[in-house]
Amino acid sequence: INSKPNLLPGITLGFESYDTCMQPAVVMRPVLQLLTRESTEELDVACNYTDYKPRVIAIIGPNNS
């Protein structure tokens, strides 16, 4: 998809894989990183998230590790 400019113009697809081993201390870092704004490592705290653009749009996987 990424190599065919006519299929989804202006969109790049990718993935990140995490295994948290069901440990709360291990899961916090990736979760907070997924919530950061696009192109940054900062997690904003705001009252209005209407224009907020997170690093990810969807998460696919089981409810456990």
C-alpha atoms as a PDB file:
ATOM      1  CA  ILE A   1       0.000   0.000   0.000  1.00  0.00           C
ATOM      2  CA  ASN A   2       2.786   2.447   0.878  1.00  0.00           C
ATOM      3  CA  SER A   3       4.504   1.883  -2.500  1.00  0.00           C
ATOM      4  CA  LYS A   4       1.345   2.513  -4.571  1.00  0.00           C
ATOM      5  CA  PRO A   5       0.651   6.273  -4.498  1.00  0.00           C
ATOM      6  CA  ASN A   6      -2.760   5.943  -6.167  1.00  0.00           C
ATOM      7  CA  LEU A   7      -4.176   3.427  -3.662  1.00  0.00           C
ATOM      8  CA  LEU A   8      -4.257   5.627  -0.538  1.00  0.00           C
ATOM      9  CA  PRO A   9      -2.755   8.978  -1.551  1.00  0.00           C
ATOM     10  CA  GLY A  10      -1.104  10.852   1.311  1.00  0.00           C
ATOM     11  CA  ILE A  11      -1.437   7.939   3.756  1.00  0.00           C
ATOM     12  CA  THR A  12       1.399   5.788   5.074  1.00  0.00           C
ATOM     13  CA  LEU A  13       0.625   2.594   6.967  1.00  0.00           C
ATOM     14  CA  GLY A  14       2.916   1.044   9.552  1.00  0.00           C
ATOM     15  CA  PHE A  15       2.907  -1.022  12.716  1.00  0.00           C
ATOM     16  CA  GLU A  16       4.489  -1.320  16.132  1.00  0.00           C
ATOM     17  CA  SER A  17       4.479  -4.545  18.117  1.00  0.00           C
ATOM     18  CA  TYR A  18       4.494  -4.738  21.924  1.00  0.00           C
ATOM     19  CA  ASP A  19       4.451  -7.655  24.350  1.00  0.00           C
ATOM     20  CA  THR A  20       3.761  -6.520  27.894  1.00  0.00           C
ATOM     21  CA  CYS A  21       3.794 -10.005  29.456  1.00  0.00           C
ATOM     22  CA  MET A  22       0.685  -9.042  31.462  1.00  0.00           C
ATOM     23  CA  GLN A  23       2.773  -6.830  33.790  1.00  0.00           C
ATOM     24  CA  PRO A  24       1.271  -3.409  34.639  1.00  0.00           C
ATOM     25  CA  ALA A  25       4.690  -1.798  35.085  1.00  0.00           C
ATOM     26  CA  VAL A  26       5.725  -2.943  31.594  1.00  0.00           C
ATOM     27  CA  VAL A  27       2.487  -1.894  29.868  1.00  0.00           C
ATOM     28  CA  MET A  28       2.485   1.753  30.999  1.00  0.00           C
ATOM     29  CA  ARG A  29       5.316   3.005  28.786  1.00  0.00           C
ATOM     30  CA  PRO A  30       3.912   1.737  25.452  1.00  0.00           C
ATOM     31  CA  VAL A  31       0.389   2.896  26.347  1.00  0.00           C
ATOM     32  CA  LEU A  32       1.572   6.403  27.177  1.00  0.00           C
ATOM     33  CA  GLN A  33       3.679   6.456  24.022  1.00  0.00           C
ATOM     34  CA  LEU A  34       0.657   5.494  21.896  1.00  0.00           C
ATOM     35  CA  LEU A  35      -1.257   8.442  23.376  1.00  0.00           C
ATOM     36  CA  THR A  36       1.418  11.027  22.541  1.00  0.00           C
ATOM     37  CA  ARG A  37       0.834  13.547  19.821  1.00  0.00           C
ATOM     38  CA  GLU A  38       1.872  12.841  16.260  1.00  0.00           C
ATOM     39  CA  SER A  39       5.618  13.505  15.680  1.00  0.00           C
ATOM     40  CA  THR A  40       6.463  14.055  19.356  1.00  0.00           C
ATOM     41  CA  GLU A  41       7.205  12.187  22.574  1.00  0.00           C
ATOM     42  CA  GLU A  42       5.090  14.565  24.699  1.00  0.00           C
ATOM     43  CA  LEU A  43       1.723  13.664  26.202  1.00  0.00           C
ATOM     44  CA  ASP A  44      -0.474  16.766  26.286  1.00  0.00           C
ATOM     45  CA  VAL A  45      -3.027  17.359  29.010  1.00  0.00           C
ATOM     46  CA  ALA A  46      -5.840  19.561  27.740  1.00  0.00           C
ATOM     47  CA  CYS A  47      -9.525  20.262  28.244  1.00  0.00           C
ATOM     48  CA  ASN A  48     -10.380  20.020  24.552  1.00  0.00           C
ATOM     49  CA  TYR A  49      -9.039  17.205  22.368  1.00  0.00           C
ATOM     50  CA  THR A  50     -11.028  18.099  19.229  1.00  0.00           C
ATOM     51  CA  ASP A  51      -7.915  18.788  17.121  1.00  0.00           C
ATOM     52  CA  TYR A  52      -5.639  16.275  18.884  1.00  0.00           C
ATOM     53  CA  LYS A  53      -3.778  13.979  16.468  1.00  0.00           C
ATOM     54  CA  PRO A  54      -2.410  10.889  18.246  1.00  0.00           C
ATOM     55  CA  ARG A  55       0.410   8.741  16.899  1.00  0.00           C
ATOM     56  CA  VAL A  56      -1.997   5.860  16.257  1.00  0.00           C
ATOM     57  CA  ILE A  57      -5.531   5.641  14.969  1.00  0.00           C
ATOM     58  CA  ALA A  58      -6.306   2.015  15.818  1.00  0.00           C
ATOM     59  CA  ILE A  59      -5.025  -0.775  18.028  1.00  0.00           C
ATOM     60  CA  ILE A  60      -5.637  -4.373  16.995  1.00  0.00           C
ATOM     61  CA  GLY A  61      -5.001  -7.343  19.219  1.00  0.00           C
ATOM     62  CA  PRO A  62      -6.318  -9.530  22.013  1.00  0.00           C
ATOM     63  CA  ASN A  63      -7.407  -8.155  25.369  1.00  0.00           C
ATOM     64  CA  ASN A  64      -4.467  -9.918  26.994  1.00  0.00           C
ATOM     65  CA  SER A  65      -0.871 -10.741  26.151  1.00  0.00           C
END
